[in-house]
C-alpha cells in the first residue's frame, strides 16, 4: 500500500513539475513529498528525478518508470470510480404501485431495462386501479394518472397524455356518431367508477382562442366499472362511449377496434405522475426508475 502511495506522489510531482505544488494539491507538507520521493528512489535503487533549485526533470529511468506509474494511477482512478458507482447502484426491493393498463403496457418494458442494468434490484409491482395509501402499504413509488389532488406526497409529472372520447365501430353503426359534445348526452356512456358521478367534461374547440367559453357536458351512466381494462372491453363490445387517456387504447385504435370521436375538440390532458413519500433523500432505486420511466414516456406516441 505504501508503494502505491509513493507512486501517486511521484506522478503528481512529475505532472506539476514542482514539489511545492504537488504538496499543495495533496494537502501535505513539502518535506513529506520529498521524503516519499526519496524513499521511492531508495526502493527502486535508481534516481528518478534530477533536482536543482530552479528546475525539476526526469532521468531516463524516471521517464520509463513514470509511463508505468501514470497508467497505474489512471487504472486506480477508474477502479475507484467503478466502485463508487457500484455502491450507488440501487439495491433492495423497489415496491411500485401502478394502474393495471399502464403497468402492463408501459411499466413492464421499463422494468426490463432497469433490471438488465441493475440486477441486484428487486421489483415488487402492484397493479390496481385504485388510489392506495403509500405509507400503509409500504410503497416506494406510485404511478398515478389523471389530475392529482393536493397531498403531503411528492409528485413529479412525467408527461401529459391526451384524453380522448372513443367507441367501437359496431356501436357507432347502431347508434350513430356524435358530432358535438352535447350529442354525447343522447348516447350510452361507460364510466370509470373512480371518477365522481355524474361527471362533467369540458370540451374546447381546437384552433379557437382560449377566451372562448368551453363546452361543458354532464354525463350520467348506467354502466360503470372500477377497472380501466373493463371500460375498454365494454366499449369494444359495442356497449357505449367513454373517455380515457389515449395510451390506454392506442393499440386498439391502431387496429381499428376503437374509433376516436369529436376529434375537432379536445379535453384537458391527463398527467402521468411519479409519486413518492419524501422530497429529501430520494433513494437511488426510486430516482433511477423515474429517469427510465421518463425516457420511455417521452418517446411514446401518445404523449401530448
C-alpha atoms as a PDB file:
ATOM      1  CA  UNK A   1       0.000   0.000   0.000  1.00  0.00           C
ATOM      2  CA  UNK A   2       2.914   2.343   0.766  1.00  0.00           C
ATOM      3  CA  UNK A   3       4.299   1.694  -2.702  1.00  0.00           C
ATOM      4  CA  UNK A   4       1.004   2.792  -4.321  1.00  0.00           C
ATOM      5  CA  UNK A   5       1.004   5.935  -2.199  1.00  0.00           C
ATOM      6  CA  UNK A   6       4.552   6.797  -3.262  1.00  0.00           C
ATOM      7  CA  UNK A   7       3.711   6.130  -6.902  1.00  0.00           C
ATOM      8  CA  UNK A   8       0.821   8.586  -6.577  1.00  0.00           C
ATOM      9  CA  UNK A   9       3.089  11.225  -5.040  1.00  0.00           C
ATOM     10  CA  UNK A  10       5.754  10.683  -7.717  1.00  0.00           C
ATOM     11  CA  UNK A  11       3.191  11.017 -10.514  1.00  0.00           C
ATOM     12  CA  UNK A  12       1.797  14.241  -9.017  1.00  0.00           C
ATOM     13  CA  UNK A  13       5.336  15.723  -8.737  1.00  0.00           C
ATOM     14  CA  UNK A  14       6.087  14.900 -12.374  1.00  0.00           C
ATOM     15  CA  UNK A  15       2.802  16.309 -13.640  1.00  0.00           C
ATOM     16  CA  UNK A  16       3.032  19.539 -11.616  1.00  0.00           C
ATOM     17  CA  UNK A  17       6.824  19.822 -12.147  1.00  0.00           C
ATOM     18  CA  UNK A  18       7.079  21.056  -8.590  1.00  0.00           C
ATOM     19  CA  UNK A  19       7.471  19.579  -5.124  1.00  0.00           C
ATOM     20  CA  UNK A  20       5.693  22.586  -3.627  1.00  0.00           C
ATOM     21  CA  UNK A  21       2.691  22.417  -5.962  1.00  0.00           C
ATOM     22  CA  UNK A  22       2.408  18.650  -5.567  1.00  0.00           C
ATOM     23  CA  UNK A  23       2.425  19.107  -1.788  1.00  0.00           C
ATOM     24  CA  UNK A  24      -0.280  21.792  -2.031  1.00  0.00           C
ATOM     25  CA  UNK A  25      -2.527  19.613  -4.187  1.00  0.00           C
ATOM     26  CA  UNK A  26      -2.028  16.607  -1.932  1.00  0.00           C
ATOM     27  CA  UNK A  27      -2.581  18.674   1.201  1.00  0.00           C
ATOM     28  CA  UNK A  28       0.723  17.733   2.850  1.00  0.00           C
ATOM     29  CA  UNK A  29       3.993  19.460   3.687  1.00  0.00           C
ATOM     30  CA  UNK A  30       6.693  19.820   1.036  1.00  0.00           C
ATOM     31  CA  UNK A  31       9.059  17.862   3.278  1.00  0.00           C
ATOM     32  CA  UNK A  32       6.625  14.932   3.288  1.00  0.00           C
ATOM     33  CA  UNK A  33       6.648  14.857  -0.523  1.00  0.00           C
ATOM     34  CA  UNK A  34      10.448  14.953  -0.601  1.00  0.00           C
ATOM     35  CA  UNK A  35      10.553  12.097   1.898  1.00  0.00           C
ATOM     36  CA  UNK A  36       8.195   9.953  -0.203  1.00  0.00           C
ATOM     37  CA  UNK A  37      10.244  10.518  -3.383  1.00  0.00           C
ATOM     38  CA  UNK A  38      13.495   9.741  -1.582  1.00  0.00           C
ATOM     39  CA  UNK A  39      12.020   6.535  -0.176  1.00  0.00           C
ATOM     40  CA  UNK A  40      10.742   5.524  -3.624  1.00  0.00           C
ATOM     41  CA  UNK A  41      14.142   6.069  -5.224  1.00  0.00           C
ATOM     42  CA  UNK A  42      15.709   4.006  -2.449  1.00  0.00           C
ATOM     43  CA  UNK A  43      13.284   1.144  -3.073  1.00  0.00           C
ATOM     44  CA  UNK A  44      13.798   1.038  -6.859  1.00  0.00           C
ATOM     45  CA  UNK A  45      17.533   1.601  -6.495  1.00  0.00           C
ATOM     46  CA  UNK A  46      17.820   4.362  -9.097  1.00  0.00           C
ATOM     47  CA  UNK A  47      17.450   8.126  -9.282  1.00  0.00           C
ATOM     48  CA  UNK A  48      14.183   9.119 -10.880  1.00  0.00           C
ATOM     49  CA  UNK A  49      14.365  12.922 -10.777  1.00  0.00           C
ATOM     50  CA  UNK A  50      17.033  15.499 -11.495  1.00  0.00           C
ATOM     51  CA  UNK A  51      16.514  18.301  -8.985  1.00  0.00           C
ATOM     52  CA  UNK A  52      18.052  21.742  -8.833  1.00  0.00           C
ATOM     53  CA  UNK A  53      16.919  24.886  -7.053  1.00  0.00           C
ATOM     54  CA  UNK A  54      15.240  26.112 -10.258  1.00  0.00           C
ATOM     55  CA  UNK A  55      14.196  23.043 -12.218  1.00  0.00           C
ATOM     56  CA  UNK A  56      12.908  19.528 -11.997  1.00  0.00           C
ATOM     57  CA  UNK A  57      13.247  16.877 -14.707  1.00  0.00           C
ATOM     58  CA  UNK A  58      13.010  13.144 -15.156  1.00  0.00           C
ATOM     59  CA  UNK A  59      16.034  10.943 -15.537  1.00  0.00           C
ATOM     60  CA  UNK A  60      15.972   8.347 -18.299  1.00  0.00           C
ATOM     61  CA  UNK A  61      14.977   5.722 -15.745  1.00  0.00           C
ATOM     62  CA  UNK A  62      12.424   8.160 -14.369  1.00  0.00           C
ATOM     63  CA  UNK A  63      10.776   8.539 -17.788  1.00  0.00           C
ATOM     64  CA  UNK A  64      10.394   4.776 -18.121  1.00  0.00           C
ATOM     65  CA  UNK A  65       9.082   4.478 -14.580  1.00  0.00           C
ATOM     66  CA  UNK A  66       6.670   7.403 -14.982  1.00  0.00           C
ATOM     67  CA  UNK A  67       4.952   5.847 -18.004  1.00  0.00           C
ATOM     68  CA  UNK A  68       4.050   2.819 -15.907  1.00  0.00           C
ATOM     69  CA  UNK A  69       3.148   4.917 -12.854  1.00  0.00           C
ATOM     70  CA  UNK A  70       0.789   7.119 -14.866  1.00  0.00           C
ATOM     71  CA  UNK A  71      -1.025   4.025 -16.117  1.00  0.00           C
ATOM     72  CA  UNK A  72      -1.256   2.618 -12.585  1.00  0.00           C
ATOM     73  CA  UNK A  73      -2.674   5.883 -11.231  1.00  0.00           C
ATOM     74  CA  UNK A  74      -5.185   6.081 -14.087  1.00  0.00           C
ATOM     75  CA  UNK A  75      -6.325   2.490 -13.581  1.00  0.00           C
ATOM     76  CA  UNK A  76      -6.661   3.151  -9.840  1.00  0.00           C
ATOM     77  CA  UNK A  77      -8.916   6.162 -10.540  1.00  0.00           C
ATOM     78  CA  UNK A  78     -11.053   4.065 -12.860  1.00  0.00           C
ATOM     79  CA  UNK A  79     -11.306   1.274 -10.281  1.00  0.00           C
ATOM     80  CA  UNK A  80     -12.320   3.697  -7.527  1.00  0.00           C
ATOM     81  CA  UNK A  81     -14.876   5.350  -9.822  1.00  0.00           C
ATOM     82  CA  UNK A  82     -16.438   1.994 -10.716  1.00  0.00           C
ATOM     83  CA  UNK A  83     -16.522   1.036  -7.039  1.00  0.00           C
ATOM     84  CA  UNK A  84     -18.350   4.272  -6.160  1.00  0.00           C
ATOM     85  CA  UNK A  85     -20.826   3.657  -8.983  1.00  0.00           C
ATOM     86  CA  UNK A  86     -21.378   0.129  -7.675  1.00  0.00           C
ATOM     87  CA  UNK A  87     -22.004   1.464  -4.184  1.00  0.00           C
ATOM     88  CA  UNK A  88     -24.516   3.941  -5.606  1.00  0.00           C
ATOM     89  CA  UNK A  89     -26.401   1.255  -7.518  1.00  0.00           C
ATOM     90  CA  UNK A  90     -29.951   0.649  -6.374  1.00  0.00           C
ATOM     91  CA  UNK A  91     -30.315  -2.408  -4.172  1.00  0.00           C
ATOM     92  CA  UNK A  92     -33.026  -3.959  -2.059  1.00  0.00           C
ATOM     93  CA  UNK A  93     -36.664  -4.045  -3.181  1.00  0.00           C
ATOM     94  CA  UNK A  94     -38.482  -1.303  -5.093  1.00  0.00           C
ATOM     95  CA  UNK A  95     -42.213  -1.571  -4.387  1.00  0.00           C
ATOM     96  CA  UNK A  96     -44.243   0.141  -7.123  1.00  0.00           C
ATOM     97  CA  UNK A  97     -47.979   0.782  -7.331  1.00  0.00           C
ATOM     98  CA  UNK A  98     -49.486   1.454 -10.754  1.00  0.00           C
ATOM     99  CA  UNK A  99     -52.820   1.317 -12.634  1.00  0.00           C
ATOM    100  CA  UNK A 100     -53.254  -2.007 -14.405  1.00  0.00           C
ATOM    101  CA  UNK A 101     -53.331  -0.818 -18.026  1.00  0.00           C
ATOM    102  CA  UNK A 102     -50.338   1.492 -17.740  1.00  0.00           C
ATOM    103  CA  UNK A 103     -48.393  -1.072 -15.746  1.00  0.00           C
ATOM    104  CA  UNK A 104     -48.868  -3.947 -18.164  1.00  0.00           C
ATOM    105  CA  UNK A 105     -48.309  -1.836 -21.273  1.00  0.00           C
ATOM    106  CA  UNK A 106     -45.564   0.558 -20.204  1.00  0.00           C
ATOM    107  CA  UNK A 107     -44.058  -0.302 -16.835  1.00  0.00           C
ATOM    108  CA  UNK A 108     -43.148  -3.855 -17.842  1.00  0.00           C
ATOM    109  CA  UNK A 109     -40.654  -2.768 -20.556  1.00  0.00           C
ATOM    110  CA  UNK A 110     -39.187  -0.159 -18.188  1.00  0.00           C
ATOM    111  CA  UNK A 111     -38.697  -2.814 -15.510  1.00  0.00           C
ATOM    112  CA  UNK A 112     -36.907  -4.996 -18.061  1.00  0.00           C
ATOM    113  CA  UNK A 113     -34.464  -2.200 -18.876  1.00  0.00           C
ATOM    114  CA  UNK A 114     -33.804  -1.363 -15.231  1.00  0.00           C
ATOM    115  CA  UNK A 115     -33.213  -4.968 -14.188  1.00  0.00           C
ATOM    116  CA  UNK A 116     -30.823  -5.540 -17.088  1.00  0.00           C
ATOM    117  CA  UNK A 117     -28.579  -2.751 -15.764  1.00  0.00           C
ATOM    118  CA  UNK A 118     -29.192  -3.226 -12.041  1.00  0.00           C
ATOM    119  CA  UNK A 119     -29.548  -6.971 -11.401  1.00  0.00           C
ATOM    120  CA  UNK A 120     -29.277  -6.521  -7.617  1.00  0.00           C
ATOM    121  CA  UNK A 121     -32.524  -4.558  -7.531  1.00  0.00           C
ATOM    122  CA  UNK A 122     -35.713  -6.479  -6.782  1.00  0.00           C
ATOM    123  CA  UNK A 123     -39.057  -5.219  -8.093  1.00  0.00           C
ATOM    124  CA  UNK A 124     -42.424  -5.718  -6.409  1.00  0.00           C
ATOM    125  CA  UNK A 125     -45.109  -4.464  -8.818  1.00  0.00           C
ATOM    126  CA  UNK A 126     -48.628  -3.836  -7.502  1.00  0.00           C
ATOM    127  CA  UNK A 127     -51.212  -3.320 -10.259  1.00  0.00           C
ATOM    128  CA  UNK A 128     -54.634  -1.989  -9.292  1.00  0.00           C
ATOM    129  CA  UNK A 129     -56.945   0.774 -10.456  1.00  0.00           C
ATOM    130  CA  UNK A 130     -57.382   2.474  -7.105  1.00  0.00           C
ATOM    131  CA  UNK A 131     -55.532   5.050  -5.035  1.00  0.00           C
ATOM    132  CA  UNK A 132     -53.642   3.315  -2.248  1.00  0.00           C
ATOM    133  CA  UNK A 133     -52.102   4.629   0.950  1.00  0.00           C
ATOM    134  CA  UNK A 134     -48.408   4.538   0.108  1.00  0.00           C
ATOM    135  CA  UNK A 135     -47.196   4.650   3.700  1.00  0.00           C
ATOM    136  CA  UNK A 136     -49.547   1.962   4.999  1.00  0.00           C
ATOM    137  CA  UNK A 137     -48.822  -0.341   2.045  1.00  0.00           C
ATOM    138  CA  UNK A 138     -45.053   0.251   2.162  1.00  0.00           C
ATOM    139  CA  UNK A 139     -44.915   1.560  -1.415  1.00  0.00           C
ATOM    140  CA  UNK A 140     -41.754   3.356  -2.547  1.00  0.00           C
ATOM    141  CA  UNK A 141     -43.140   4.734  -5.803  1.00  0.00           C
ATOM    142  CA  UNK A 142     -46.672   5.155  -7.147  1.00  0.00           C
ATOM    143  CA  UNK A 143     -47.535   5.907 -10.766  1.00  0.00           C
ATOM    144  CA  UNK A 144     -50.712   7.948 -10.872  1.00  0.00           C
ATOM    145  CA  UNK A 145     -52.624   9.141 -13.886  1.00  0.00           C
ATOM    146  CA  UNK A 146     -55.124  11.945 -14.136  1.00  0.00           C
ATOM    147  CA  UNK A 147     -55.491  15.221 -12.252  1.00  0.00           C
ATOM    148  CA  UNK A 148     -53.875  14.975  -8.841  1.00  0.00           C
ATOM    149  CA  UNK A 149     -55.305  16.472  -5.696  1.00  0.00           C
ATOM    150  CA  UNK A 150     -53.038  18.143  -3.164  1.00  0.00           C
ATOM    151  CA  UNK A 151     -51.413  15.855  -0.614  1.00  0.00           C
ATOM    152  CA  UNK A 152     -48.325  15.525   1.556  1.00  0.00           C
ATOM    153  CA  UNK A 153     -46.728  13.283  -1.059  1.00  0.00           C
ATOM    154  CA  UNK A 154     -44.185  14.463  -3.630  1.00  0.00           C
ATOM    155  CA  UNK A 155     -45.424  14.274  -7.225  1.00  0.00           C
ATOM    156  CA  UNK A 156     -43.199  14.645 -10.272  1.00  0.00           C
ATOM    157  CA  UNK A 157     -45.008  14.990 -13.586  1.00  0.00           C
ATOM    158  CA  UNK A 158     -43.536  12.604 -16.143  1.00  0.00           C
ATOM    159  CA  UNK A 159     -45.590  13.806 -19.111  1.00  0.00           C
ATOM    160  CA  UNK A 160     -49.090  14.606 -20.355  1.00  0.00           C
ATOM    161  CA  UNK A 161     -51.205  12.300 -22.462  1.00  0.00           C
ATOM    162  CA  UNK A 162     -54.380  13.357 -24.318  1.00  0.00           C
ATOM    163  CA  UNK A 163     -57.785  12.250 -23.102  1.00  0.00           C
ATOM    164  CA  UNK A 164     -59.960  11.113 -25.986  1.00  0.00           C
ATOM    165  CA  UNK A 165     -63.588  10.089 -26.445  1.00  0.00           C
ATOM    166  CA  UNK A 166     -63.963   6.713 -28.146  1.00  0.00           C
ATOM    167  CA  UNK A 167     -66.368   3.972 -29.158  1.00  0.00           C
ATOM    168  CA  UNK A 168     -66.375   0.842 -31.277  1.00  0.00           C
ATOM    169  CA  UNK A 169     -67.349   0.877 -34.966  1.00  0.00           C
ATOM    170  CA  UNK A 170     -70.147  -1.559 -34.025  1.00  0.00           C
ATOM    171  CA  UNK A 171     -71.684   0.892 -31.560  1.00  0.00           C
ATOM    172  CA  UNK A 172     -71.414   3.828 -33.960  1.00  0.00           C
ATOM    173  CA  UNK A 173     -73.056   1.814 -36.744  1.00  0.00           C
ATOM    174  CA  UNK A 174     -76.020   1.102 -34.454  1.00  0.00           C
ATOM    175  CA  UNK A 175     -76.369   4.394 -32.563  1.00  0.00           C
ATOM    176  CA  UNK A 176     -74.774   6.972 -34.856  1.00  0.00           C
ATOM    177  CA  UNK A 177     -71.689   9.175 -34.401  1.00  0.00           C
ATOM    178  CA  UNK A 178     -71.867  12.248 -32.126  1.00  0.00           C
ATOM    179  CA  UNK A 179     -70.868  15.462 -33.925  1.00  0.00           C
ATOM    180  CA  UNK A 180     -70.754  17.825 -30.946  1.00  0.00           C
ATOM    181  CA  UNK A 181     -70.066  17.375 -27.227  1.00  0.00           C
ATOM    182  CA  UNK A 182     -73.772  17.949 -26.486  1.00  0.00           C
ATOM    183  CA  UNK A 183     -74.631  14.960 -28.686  1.00  0.00           C
ATOM    184  CA  UNK A 184     -72.963  12.696 -26.113  1.00  0.00           C
ATOM    185  CA  UNK A 185     -75.934  13.142 -23.777  1.00  0.00           C
ATOM    186  CA  UNK A 186     -78.051  11.150 -26.246  1.00  0.00           C
ATOM    187  CA  UNK A 187     -75.676   8.165 -26.096  1.00  0.00           C
ATOM    188  CA  UNK A 188     -74.853   5.319 -23.722  1.00  0.00           C
ATOM    189  CA  UNK A 189     -71.919   6.323 -21.551  1.00  0.00           C
ATOM    190  CA  UNK A 190     -69.467   3.930 -19.863  1.00  0.00           C
ATOM    191  CA  UNK A 191     -67.927   5.386 -16.712  1.00  0.00           C
ATOM    192  CA  UNK A 192     -64.814   4.597 -14.737  1.00  0.00           C
ATOM    193  CA  UNK A 193     -66.185   4.437 -11.204  1.00  0.00           C
ATOM    194  CA  UNK A 194     -63.034   6.049  -9.807  1.00  0.00           C
ATOM    195  CA  UNK A 195     -64.400   9.321 -11.233  1.00  0.00           C
ATOM    196  CA  UNK A 196     -67.143  11.231  -9.449  1.00  0.00           C
ATOM    197  CA  UNK A 197     -70.673  10.802 -10.772  1.00  0.00           C
ATOM    198  CA  UNK A 198     -72.186  12.497 -12.644  1.00  0.00           C
ATOM    199  CA  UNK A 199     -69.010  13.555 -14.394  1.00  0.00           C
ATOM    200  CA  UNK A 200     -68.657  16.904 -16.129  1.00  0.00           C
ATOM    201  CA  UNK A 201     -66.383  17.025 -19.179  1.00  0.00           C
ATOM    202  CA  UNK A 202     -65.104  20.338 -20.565  1.00  0.00           C
ATOM    203  CA  UNK A 203     -64.529  20.403 -24.312  1.00  0.00           C
ATOM    204  CA  UNK A 204     -62.588  23.089 -26.140  1.00  0.00           C
ATOM    205  CA  UNK A 205     -62.833  23.572 -29.890  1.00  0.00           C
ATOM    206  CA  UNK A 206     -59.406  23.116 -31.465  1.00  0.00           C
ATOM    207  CA  UNK A 207     -57.931  26.228 -33.019  1.00  0.00           C
ATOM    208  CA  UNK A 208     -60.123  28.647 -31.090  1.00  0.00           C
ATOM    209  CA  UNK A 209     -58.822  31.251 -28.675  1.00  0.00           C
ATOM    210  CA  UNK A 210     -58.800  30.284 -25.022  1.00  0.00           C
ATOM    211  CA  UNK A 211     -61.121  33.198 -24.243  1.00  0.00           C
ATOM    212  CA  UNK A 212     -63.988  31.339 -25.930  1.00  0.00           C
ATOM    213  CA  UNK A 213     -66.072  29.534 -23.336  1.00  0.00           C
ATOM    214  CA  UNK A 214     -65.569  25.807 -23.050  1.00  0.00           C
ATOM    215  CA  UNK A 215     -68.475  23.474 -23.686  1.00  0.00           C
ATOM    216  CA  UNK A 216     -69.427  21.587 -20.540  1.00  0.00           C
ATOM    217  CA  UNK A 217     -71.266  18.300 -20.777  1.00  0.00           C
ATOM    218  CA  UNK A 218     -72.510  16.396 -17.749  1.00  0.00           C
ATOM    219  CA  UNK A 219     -72.571  12.646 -18.316  1.00  0.00           C
ATOM    220  CA  UNK A 220     -74.728  10.141 -16.438  1.00  0.00           C
ATOM    221  CA  UNK A 221     -74.042   6.461 -16.778  1.00  0.00           C
ATOM    222  CA  UNK A 222     -75.914   3.224 -16.223  1.00  0.00           C
ATOM    223  CA  UNK A 223     -72.782   1.205 -16.963  1.00  0.00           C
ATOM    224  CA  UNK A 224     -69.579   1.626 -14.997  1.00  0.00           C
ATOM    225  CA  UNK A 225     -66.546  -0.317 -13.762  1.00  0.00           C
ATOM    226  CA  UNK A 226     -63.651   0.225 -11.371  1.00  0.00           C
ATOM    227  CA  UNK A 227     -61.304  -1.264 -13.987  1.00  0.00           C
ATOM    228  CA  UNK A 228     -59.871   0.723 -16.900  1.00  0.00           C
ATOM    229  CA  UNK A 229     -59.402  -2.503 -18.850  1.00  0.00           C
ATOM    230  CA  UNK A 230     -63.057  -3.373 -18.288  1.00  0.00           C
ATOM    231  CA  UNK A 231     -64.208   0.042 -19.551  1.00  0.00           C
ATOM    232  CA  UNK A 232     -62.201  -0.510 -22.735  1.00  0.00           C
ATOM    233  CA  UNK A 233     -63.562  -4.050 -23.112  1.00  0.00           C
ATOM    234  CA  UNK A 234     -67.139  -2.827 -22.669  1.00  0.00           C
ATOM    235  CA  UNK A 235     -66.596  -0.159 -25.305  1.00  0.00           C
ATOM    236  CA  UNK A 236     -65.026  -2.672 -27.708  1.00  0.00           C
ATOM    237  CA  UNK A 237     -68.064  -4.902 -27.292  1.00  0.00           C
ATOM    238  CA  UNK A 238     -70.282  -2.075 -28.559  1.00  0.00           C
ATOM    239  CA  UNK A 239     -71.967  -1.151 -25.264  1.00  0.00           C
ATOM    240  CA  UNK A 240     -71.286   2.565 -25.232  1.00  0.00           C
ATOM    241  CA  UNK A 241     -68.959   5.566 -25.452  1.00  0.00           C
ATOM    242  CA  UNK A 242     -66.280   6.515 -22.939  1.00  0.00           C
ATOM    243  CA  UNK A 243     -63.256   8.775 -22.481  1.00  0.00           C
ATOM    244  CA  UNK A 244     -59.838   7.765 -21.159  1.00  0.00           C
ATOM    245  CA  UNK A 245     -56.169   8.621 -21.533  1.00  0.00           C
ATOM    246  CA  UNK A 246     -55.031   7.885 -25.067  1.00  0.00           C
ATOM    247  CA  UNK A 247     -52.293   5.431 -24.078  1.00  0.00           C
ATOM    248  CA  UNK A 248     -54.944   3.018 -22.775  1.00  0.00           C
ATOM    249  CA  UNK A 249     -56.485   2.317 -26.171  1.00  0.00           C
ATOM    250  CA  UNK A 250     -53.762   3.403 -28.601  1.00  0.00           C
ATOM    251  CA  UNK A 251     -53.225  -0.160 -29.866  1.00  0.00           C
ATOM    252  CA  UNK A 252     -56.974  -0.735 -30.258  1.00  0.00           C
ATOM    253  CA  UNK A 253     -57.274   2.488 -32.268  1.00  0.00           C
ATOM    254  CA  UNK A 254     -54.343   1.474 -34.477  1.00  0.00           C
ATOM    255  CA  UNK A 255     -56.060  -1.877 -35.109  1.00  0.00           C
ATOM    256  CA  UNK A 256     -59.444  -0.270 -35.884  1.00  0.00           C
ATOM    257  CA  UNK A 257     -61.152  -1.860 -32.879  1.00  0.00           C
ATOM    258  CA  UNK A 258     -61.960   1.547 -31.394  1.00  0.00           C
ATOM    259  CA  UNK A 259     -62.543   4.889 -33.062  1.00  0.00           C
ATOM    260  CA  UNK A 260     -61.701   8.374 -31.662  1.00  0.00           C
ATOM    261  CA  UNK A 261     -64.681  10.728 -31.575  1.00  0.00           C
ATOM    262  CA  UNK A 262     -65.092  14.501 -31.556  1.00  0.00           C
ATOM    263  CA  UNK A 263     -61.606  14.954 -32.965  1.00  0.00           C
ATOM    264  CA  UNK A 264     -62.311  18.652 -33.611  1.00  0.00           C
ATOM    265  CA  UNK A 265     -62.472  19.116 -29.837  1.00  0.00           C
ATOM    266  CA  UNK A 266     -60.046  18.430 -27.037  1.00  0.00           C
ATOM    267  CA  UNK A 267     -60.287  17.648 -23.357  1.00  0.00           C
ATOM    268  CA  UNK A 268     -57.785  18.650 -20.713  1.00  0.00           C
ATOM    269  CA  UNK A 269     -54.737  16.396 -20.979  1.00  0.00           C
ATOM    270  CA  UNK A 270     -54.196  13.771 -18.313  1.00  0.00           C
ATOM    271  CA  UNK A 271     -50.938  13.869 -16.369  1.00  0.00           C
ATOM    272  CA  UNK A 272     -48.744  10.866 -15.657  1.00  0.00           C
ATOM    273  CA  UNK A 273     -47.036  11.335 -12.299  1.00  0.00           C
ATOM    274  CA  UNK A 274     -44.365   9.605 -10.269  1.00  0.00           C
ATOM    275  CA  UNK A 275     -45.376   9.947  -6.625  1.00  0.00           C
ATOM    276  CA  UNK A 276     -43.117   9.207  -3.653  1.00  0.00           C
ATOM    277  CA  UNK A 277     -43.299   9.935   0.082  1.00  0.00           C
ATOM    278  CA  UNK A 278     -40.401  12.344   0.697  1.00  0.00           C
ATOM    279  CA  UNK A 279     -38.604  15.067  -1.259  1.00  0.00           C
ATOM    280  CA  UNK A 280     -35.325  14.729   0.653  1.00  0.00           C
ATOM    281  CA  UNK A 281     -33.025  11.722   0.454  1.00  0.00           C
ATOM    282  CA  UNK A 282     -34.759  10.096  -2.501  1.00  0.00           C
ATOM    283  CA  UNK A 283     -33.355   6.539  -2.694  1.00  0.00           C
ATOM    284  CA  UNK A 284     -31.276   5.746  -5.813  1.00  0.00           C
ATOM    285  CA  UNK A 285     -33.714   2.943  -6.709  1.00  0.00           C
ATOM    286  CA  UNK A 286     -36.582   5.456  -6.918  1.00  0.00           C
ATOM    287  CA  UNK A 287     -34.597   8.163  -8.719  1.00  0.00           C
ATOM    288  CA  UNK A 288     -33.192   5.774 -11.321  1.00  0.00           C
ATOM    289  CA  UNK A 289     -36.559   4.162 -12.041  1.00  0.00           C
ATOM    290  CA  UNK A 290     -38.178   7.577 -12.552  1.00  0.00           C
ATOM    291  CA  UNK A 291     -35.401   8.503 -15.006  1.00  0.00           C
ATOM    292  CA  UNK A 292     -36.004   5.344 -17.055  1.00  0.00           C
ATOM    293  CA  UNK A 293     -39.767   5.852 -16.988  1.00  0.00           C
ATOM    294  CA  UNK A 294     -39.413   9.478 -18.138  1.00  0.00           C
ATOM    295  CA  UNK A 295     -37.285   8.429 -21.085  1.00  0.00           C
ATOM    296  CA  UNK A 296     -39.786   5.724 -22.063  1.00  0.00           C
ATOM    297  CA  UNK A 297     -42.796   8.044 -21.863  1.00  0.00           C
ATOM    298  CA  UNK A 298     -41.237  10.920 -23.780  1.00  0.00           C
ATOM    299  CA  UNK A 299     -40.529   8.542 -26.672  1.00  0.00           C
ATOM    300  CA  UNK A 300     -44.112   7.211 -26.725  1.00  0.00           C
ATOM    301  CA  UNK A 301     -46.606   8.007 -29.487  1.00  0.00           C
ATOM    302  CA  UNK A 302     -49.375   9.001 -27.068  1.00  0.00           C
ATOM    303  CA  UNK A 303     -47.537  11.880 -25.355  1.00  0.00           C
ATOM    304  CA  UNK A 304     -49.085  15.327 -25.804  1.00  0.00           C
END
